Amino acid sequence: MPIDYLPILILFIIAAIIATVSLVLPHYLGPRRPNKAKQEVIESGKLNYGDARRRVPVQYYMVAMLFIIFDIEILFLYPWAVLFWDLKWFGLIQIGIFTLLLVESFVYMWKKGVFEWE
């Protein structure tokens, strides 16, 4: 029945109102003291310098890609954790193999110097 979804609709409406108020209210109530330091564009904790089309070192992209890869692999642990008691020893052995491969690939890349920043 559609009436059964009314609490979820109310929850979404309340969440939208709280999000809107949280984003709009500080704009009107907060102090405005612009200065040169606040107007600077800061990316990754560093001030920008030079042309935006300058060459970026390959190591930057390597570290970013490795982070994404390892982050996604760690996400595979969540479904396993949910089904842990149903999988029993088979699931434990499989996740052990998965973790060993993950650690082995990390150590291999470490020894190859992929994480070194020059």
N, C-alpha and C. Protein backbone atom coordinates (compact mmCIF):
# COMPACT_ATOMS: atom_id res chain seq x y z
N MET A 1 0.82 -1.18 0.00
CA MET A 1 0.00 0.00 0.00
C MET A 1 0.88 1.26 0.00
N PRO A 2 0.48 2.24 -0.76
CA PRO A 2 1.27 3.49 -0.79
C PRO A 2 1.32 4.20 0.57
N ILE A 3 0.32 4.03 1.39
CA ILE A 3 0.31 4.70 2.69
C ILE A 3 1.41 4.17 3.60
N ASP A 4 1.88 2.94 3.34
CA ASP A 4 2.95 2.36 4.14
C ASP A 4 4.28 3.08 3.92
N TYR A 5 4.43 3.76 2.79
CA TYR A 5 5.66 4.48 2.48
C TYR A 5 5.63 5.92 2.98
N LEU A 6 4.57 6.32 3.64
CA LEU A 6 4.45 7.70 4.15
C LEU A 6 5.57 8.06 5.13
N PRO A 7 5.95 7.19 6.08
CA PRO A 7 7.07 7.55 6.98
C PRO A 7 8.38 7.80 6.23
N ILE A 8 8.63 7.04 5.17
CA ILE A 8 9.86 7.24 4.39
C ILE A 8 9.80 8.58 3.66
N LEU A 9 8.64 8.92 3.13
CA LEU A 9 8.47 10.22 2.48
C LEU A 9 8.68 11.35 3.47
N ILE A 10 8.13 11.22 4.65
CA ILE A 10 8.32 12.24 5.69
C ILE A 10 9.80 12.35 6.07
N LEU A 11 10.49 11.22 6.16
CA LEU A 11 11.93 11.24 6.46
C LEU A 11 12.71 11.99 5.39
N PHE A 12 12.41 11.73 4.11
CA PHE A 12 13.10 12.43 3.02
C PHE A 12 12.80 13.93 3.05
N ILE A 13 11.59 14.30 3.35
CA ILE A 13 11.23 15.72 3.42
C ILE A 13 11.98 16.40 4.55
N ILE A 14 12.00 15.77 5.72
CA ILE A 14 12.72 16.35 6.87
C ILE A 14 14.22 16.44 6.56
N ALA A 15 14.80 15.41 5.94
CA ALA A 15 16.22 15.44 5.59
C ALA A 15 16.51 16.55 4.58
N ALA A 16 15.64 16.74 3.61
CA ALA A 16 15.84 17.81 2.63
C ALA A 16 15.75 19.18 3.28
N ILE A 17 14.83 19.35 4.21
CA ILE A 17 14.71 20.64 4.92
C ILE A 17 15.96 20.90 5.75
N ILE A 18 16.43 19.90 6.49
CA ILE A 18 17.63 20.08 7.33
C ILE A 18 18.85 20.39 6.45
N ALA A 19 18.99 19.68 5.33
CA ALA A 19 20.12 19.94 4.44
C ALA A 19 20.05 21.34 3.85
N THR A 20 18.88 21.76 3.43
CA THR A 20 18.73 23.10 2.86
C THR A 20 19.04 24.17 3.89
N VAL A 21 18.50 24.03 5.08
CA VAL A 21 18.75 25.01 6.14
C VAL A 21 20.24 25.03 6.50
N SER A 22 20.87 23.87 6.56
CA SER A 22 22.29 23.80 6.91
C SER A 22 23.18 24.46 5.86
N LEU A 23 22.77 24.44 4.62
CA LEU A 23 23.57 25.05 3.57
C LEU A 23 23.26 26.54 3.36
N VAL A 24 22.04 26.94 3.57
CA VAL A 24 21.63 28.33 3.28
C VAL A 24 21.84 29.24 4.48
N LEU A 25 21.54 28.79 5.66
CA LEU A 25 21.59 29.64 6.85
C LEU A 25 22.98 30.22 7.14
N PRO A 26 24.07 29.47 7.05
CA PRO A 26 25.38 30.07 7.30
C PRO A 26 25.74 31.18 6.30
N HIS A 27 25.21 31.11 5.10
CA HIS A 27 25.48 32.15 4.12
C HIS A 27 24.94 33.50 4.58
N TYR A 28 23.80 33.48 5.23
CA TYR A 28 23.18 34.73 5.67
C TYR A 28 23.62 35.15 7.07
N LEU A 29 23.95 34.21 7.93
CA LEU A 29 24.30 34.55 9.31
C LEU A 29 25.81 34.67 9.55
N GLY A 30 26.62 34.08 8.68
CA GLY A 30 28.06 34.08 8.89
C GLY A 30 28.70 35.43 8.59
N PRO A 31 29.85 35.69 9.24
CA PRO A 31 30.54 36.95 8.98
C PRO A 31 31.20 36.94 7.59
N ARG A 32 31.29 38.14 7.02
CA ARG A 32 31.94 38.29 5.71
C ARG A 32 33.15 39.18 5.88
N ARG A 33 34.31 38.56 5.84
CA ARG A 33 35.56 39.31 5.94
C ARG A 33 36.50 38.81 4.84
N PRO A 34 36.22 39.16 3.59
CA PRO A 34 37.08 38.66 2.52
C PRO A 34 38.47 39.29 2.56
N ASN A 35 39.47 38.49 2.29
CA ASN A 35 40.82 39.00 2.15
C ASN A 35 41.54 38.16 1.11
N LYS A 36 42.75 38.55 0.81
CA LYS A 36 43.48 37.87 -0.27
C LYS A 36 43.75 36.39 0.03
N ALA A 37 44.06 36.08 1.29
CA ALA A 37 44.35 34.69 1.65
C ALA A 37 43.12 33.80 1.48
N LYS A 38 41.95 34.30 1.78
CA LYS A 38 40.73 33.50 1.64
C LYS A 38 40.33 33.32 0.18
N GLN A 39 40.77 34.20 -0.69
CA GLN A 39 40.41 34.12 -2.09
C GLN A 39 41.33 33.19 -2.88
N GLU A 40 42.44 32.76 -2.28
CA GLU A 40 43.37 31.86 -2.96
C GLU A 40 42.73 30.48 -3.17
N VAL A 41 43.03 29.90 -4.30
CA VAL A 41 42.56 28.56 -4.59
C VAL A 41 43.57 27.57 -4.03
N ILE A 42 43.11 26.69 -3.16
CA ILE A 42 43.99 25.71 -2.53
C ILE A 42 43.49 24.32 -2.93
N GLU A 43 44.41 23.52 -3.47
CA GLU A 43 44.05 22.16 -3.85
C GLU A 43 45.01 21.19 -3.19
N SER A 44 44.47 20.23 -2.50
CA SER A 44 45.26 19.21 -1.80
C SER A 44 46.20 19.83 -0.78
N GLY A 45 45.80 20.93 -0.18
CA GLY A 45 46.60 21.56 0.86
C GLY A 45 47.76 22.39 0.36
N LYS A 46 47.86 22.59 -0.94
CA LYS A 46 48.96 23.37 -1.51
C LYS A 46 48.39 24.49 -2.36
N LEU A 47 49.07 25.62 -2.33
CA LEU A 47 48.67 26.73 -3.18
C LEU A 47 49.01 26.41 -4.63
N ASN A 48 48.15 26.84 -5.52
CA ASN A 48 48.41 26.63 -6.94
C ASN A 48 49.50 27.58 -7.42
N TYR A 49 50.25 27.15 -8.38
CA TYR A 49 51.28 27.98 -8.98
C TYR A 49 51.34 27.69 -10.46
N GLY A 50 51.64 28.67 -11.22
CA GLY A 50 51.84 28.47 -12.65
C GLY A 50 50.56 28.25 -13.42
N ASP A 51 50.73 27.77 -14.63
CA ASP A 51 49.63 27.55 -15.55
C ASP A 51 48.86 26.28 -15.17
N ALA A 52 47.56 26.28 -15.37
CA ALA A 52 46.74 25.12 -15.05
C ALA A 52 46.99 23.96 -16.00
N ARG A 53 47.57 24.24 -17.15
CA ARG A 53 47.83 23.18 -18.13
C ARG A 53 49.24 22.64 -18.05
N ARG A 54 49.92 22.83 -16.92
CA ARG A 54 51.28 22.33 -16.78
C ARG A 54 51.25 20.80 -16.63
N ARG A 55 52.39 20.20 -16.85
CA ARG A 55 52.49 18.74 -16.74
C ARG A 55 52.52 18.32 -15.27
N VAL A 56 51.81 17.25 -15.00
CA VAL A 56 51.75 16.71 -13.64
C VAL A 56 52.57 15.42 -13.63
N PRO A 57 53.36 15.19 -12.58
CA PRO A 57 54.16 13.96 -12.54
C PRO A 57 53.30 12.70 -12.61
N VAL A 58 53.82 11.67 -13.24
CA VAL A 58 53.10 10.41 -13.39
C VAL A 58 52.85 9.77 -12.03
N GLN A 59 53.74 9.97 -11.06
CA GLN A 59 53.58 9.38 -9.74
C GLN A 59 52.26 9.80 -9.09
N TYR A 60 51.83 11.02 -9.37
CA TYR A 60 50.57 11.50 -8.81
C TYR A 60 49.42 10.60 -9.26
N TYR A 61 49.38 10.29 -10.55
CA TYR A 61 48.33 9.45 -11.09
C TYR A 61 48.48 8.01 -10.61
N MET A 62 49.71 7.52 -10.47
CA MET A 62 49.94 6.16 -10.00
C MET A 62 49.39 5.98 -8.58
N VAL A 63 49.71 6.93 -7.71
CA VAL A 63 49.23 6.83 -6.33
C VAL A 63 47.72 6.92 -6.30
N ALA A 64 47.14 7.80 -7.11
CA ALA A 64 45.68 7.93 -7.14
C ALA A 64 45.02 6.65 -7.62
N MET A 65 45.55 6.05 -8.68
CA MET A 65 44.97 4.81 -9.20
C MET A 65 45.14 3.65 -8.22
N LEU A 66 46.29 3.57 -7.57
CA LEU A 66 46.49 2.50 -6.59
C LEU A 66 45.56 2.67 -5.40
N PHE A 67 45.34 3.90 -4.99
CA PHE A 67 44.40 4.14 -3.89
C PHE A 67 43.01 3.67 -4.27
N ILE A 68 42.58 3.99 -5.47
CA ILE A 68 41.24 3.58 -5.91
C ILE A 68 41.15 2.06 -5.98
N ILE A 69 42.17 1.42 -6.53
CA ILE A 69 42.16 -0.04 -6.65
C ILE A 69 42.08 -0.70 -5.27
N PHE A 70 42.94 -0.29 -4.34
CA PHE A 70 42.93 -0.90 -3.02
C PHE A 70 41.65 -0.56 -2.26
N ASP A 71 41.12 0.62 -2.48
CA ASP A 71 39.89 1.01 -1.81
C ASP A 71 38.74 0.12 -2.28
N ILE A 72 38.66 -0.14 -3.57
CA ILE A 72 37.60 -0.98 -4.10
C ILE A 72 37.78 -2.43 -3.64
N GLU A 73 39.00 -2.90 -3.56
CA GLU A 73 39.22 -4.26 -3.09
C GLU A 73 38.79 -4.41 -1.63
N ILE A 74 39.03 -3.40 -0.83
CA ILE A 74 38.61 -3.47 0.57
C ILE A 74 37.08 -3.49 0.67
N LEU A 75 36.39 -2.87 -0.29
CA LEU A 75 34.93 -2.90 -0.28
C LEU A 75 34.39 -4.32 -0.42
N PHE A 76 35.17 -5.22 -1.01
CA PHE A 76 34.72 -6.61 -1.14
C PHE A 76 34.67 -7.32 0.21
N LEU A 77 35.27 -6.75 1.23
CA LEU A 77 35.22 -7.36 2.55
C LEU A 77 33.85 -7.17 3.22
N TYR A 78 33.11 -6.14 2.87
CA TYR A 78 31.82 -5.89 3.51
C TYR A 78 30.79 -6.98 3.22
N PRO A 79 30.57 -7.38 1.97
CA PRO A 79 29.61 -8.47 1.76
C PRO A 79 30.04 -9.76 2.46
N TRP A 80 31.34 -10.02 2.50
CA TRP A 80 31.83 -11.21 3.19
C TRP A 80 31.51 -11.11 4.68
N ALA A 81 31.70 -9.93 5.27
CA ALA A 81 31.43 -9.77 6.70
C ALA A 81 29.95 -9.96 7.01
N VAL A 82 29.08 -9.57 6.10
CA VAL A 82 27.64 -9.74 6.32
C VAL A 82 27.28 -11.23 6.31
N LEU A 83 27.90 -11.98 5.44
CA LEU A 83 27.60 -13.42 5.31
C LEU A 83 28.59 -14.31 6.05
N PHE A 84 29.35 -13.75 6.96
CA PHE A 84 30.42 -14.49 7.63
C PHE A 84 29.93 -15.78 8.27
N TRP A 85 28.85 -15.72 9.03
CA TRP A 85 28.38 -16.91 9.75
C TRP A 85 27.78 -17.95 8.82
N ASP A 86 27.26 -17.53 7.67
CA ASP A 86 26.69 -18.49 6.72
C ASP A 86 27.77 -19.20 5.90
N LEU A 87 28.89 -18.54 5.67
CA LEU A 87 29.94 -19.11 4.82
C LEU A 87 30.83 -20.11 5.55
N LYS A 88 30.92 -19.98 6.84
CA LYS A 88 31.71 -20.86 7.71
C LYS A 88 33.17 -20.93 7.27
N TRP A 89 33.78 -22.13 7.29
CA TRP A 89 35.21 -22.27 6.99
C TRP A 89 35.54 -21.95 5.55
N PHE A 90 34.64 -22.29 4.63
CA PHE A 90 34.87 -21.99 3.22
C PHE A 90 35.07 -20.49 3.00
N GLY A 91 34.21 -19.69 3.60
CA GLY A 91 34.32 -18.24 3.46
C GLY A 91 35.58 -17.70 4.12
N LEU A 92 35.96 -18.29 5.24
CA LEU A 92 37.17 -17.84 5.93
C LEU A 92 38.42 -18.13 5.09
N ILE A 93 38.45 -19.31 4.48
CA ILE A 93 39.60 -19.66 3.63
C ILE A 93 39.64 -18.76 2.40
N GLN A 94 38.50 -18.51 1.79
CA GLN A 94 38.46 -17.66 0.60
C GLN A 94 38.89 -16.23 0.91
N ILE A 95 38.43 -15.67 2.01
CA ILE A 95 38.83 -14.30 2.35
C ILE A 95 40.28 -14.26 2.79
N GLY A 96 40.79 -15.36 3.34
CA GLY A 96 42.21 -15.44 3.67
C GLY A 96 43.07 -15.39 2.41
N ILE A 97 42.65 -16.12 1.38
CA ILE A 97 43.37 -16.09 0.11
C ILE A 97 43.29 -14.69 -0.51
N PHE A 98 42.12 -14.10 -0.48
CA PHE A 98 41.93 -12.75 -1.02
C PHE A 98 42.83 -11.74 -0.29
N THR A 99 42.87 -11.83 1.03
CA THR A 99 43.69 -10.90 1.81
C THR A 99 45.18 -11.13 1.54
N LEU A 100 45.60 -12.38 1.44
CA LEU A 100 47.00 -12.67 1.13
C LEU A 100 47.40 -12.11 -0.23
N LEU A 101 46.54 -12.25 -1.22
CA LEU A 101 46.83 -11.68 -2.54
C LEU A 101 46.89 -10.16 -2.50
N LEU A 102 46.02 -9.58 -1.72
CA LEU A 102 46.01 -8.12 -1.57
C LEU A 102 47.29 -7.63 -0.91
N VAL A 103 47.70 -8.29 0.15
CA VAL A 103 48.93 -7.91 0.85
C VAL A 103 50.14 -8.17 -0.04
N GLU A 104 50.14 -9.30 -0.76
CA GLU A 104 51.25 -9.61 -1.65
C GLU A 104 51.40 -8.57 -2.75
N SER A 105 50.29 -8.14 -3.34
CA SER A 105 50.38 -7.12 -4.38
C SER A 105 50.85 -5.79 -3.82
N PHE A 106 50.45 -5.46 -2.60
CA PHE A 106 50.91 -4.23 -1.96
C PHE A 106 52.42 -4.28 -1.71
N VAL A 107 52.90 -5.40 -1.19
CA VAL A 107 54.34 -5.54 -0.92
C VAL A 107 55.13 -5.51 -2.23
N TYR A 108 54.62 -6.15 -3.27
CA TYR A 108 55.29 -6.13 -4.57
C TYR A 108 55.44 -4.70 -5.09
N MET A 109 54.34 -3.93 -5.03
CA MET A 109 54.41 -2.54 -5.50
C MET A 109 55.32 -1.70 -4.63
N TRP A 110 55.35 -1.99 -3.34
CA TRP A 110 56.23 -1.26 -2.43
C TRP A 110 57.70 -1.52 -2.80
N LYS A 111 58.03 -2.80 -3.05
CA LYS A 111 59.41 -3.14 -3.41
C LYS A 111 59.80 -2.58 -4.77
N LYS A 112 58.84 -2.45 -5.69
CA LYS A 112 59.11 -1.88 -7.00
C LYS A 112 59.30 -0.35 -6.93
N GLY A 113 58.95 0.26 -5.80
CA GLY A 113 59.12 1.70 -5.64
C GLY A 113 58.00 2.55 -6.18
N VAL A 114 56.82 1.94 -6.33
CA VAL A 114 55.69 2.68 -6.88
C VAL A 114 55.27 3.81 -5.92
N PHE A 115 55.43 3.61 -4.64
CA PHE A 115 54.98 4.60 -3.66
C PHE A 115 56.01 5.67 -3.37
N GLU A 116 57.18 5.57 -4.00
CA GLU A 116 58.24 6.59 -3.78
C GLU A 116 57.89 7.85 -4.53
N TRP A 117 58.02 8.97 -3.86
CA TRP A 117 57.71 10.26 -4.45
C TRP A 117 59.01 11.05 -4.55
N GLU A 118 59.41 11.38 -5.76
CA GLU A 118 60.68 12.08 -5.95
C GLU A 118 60.45 13.51 -6.35
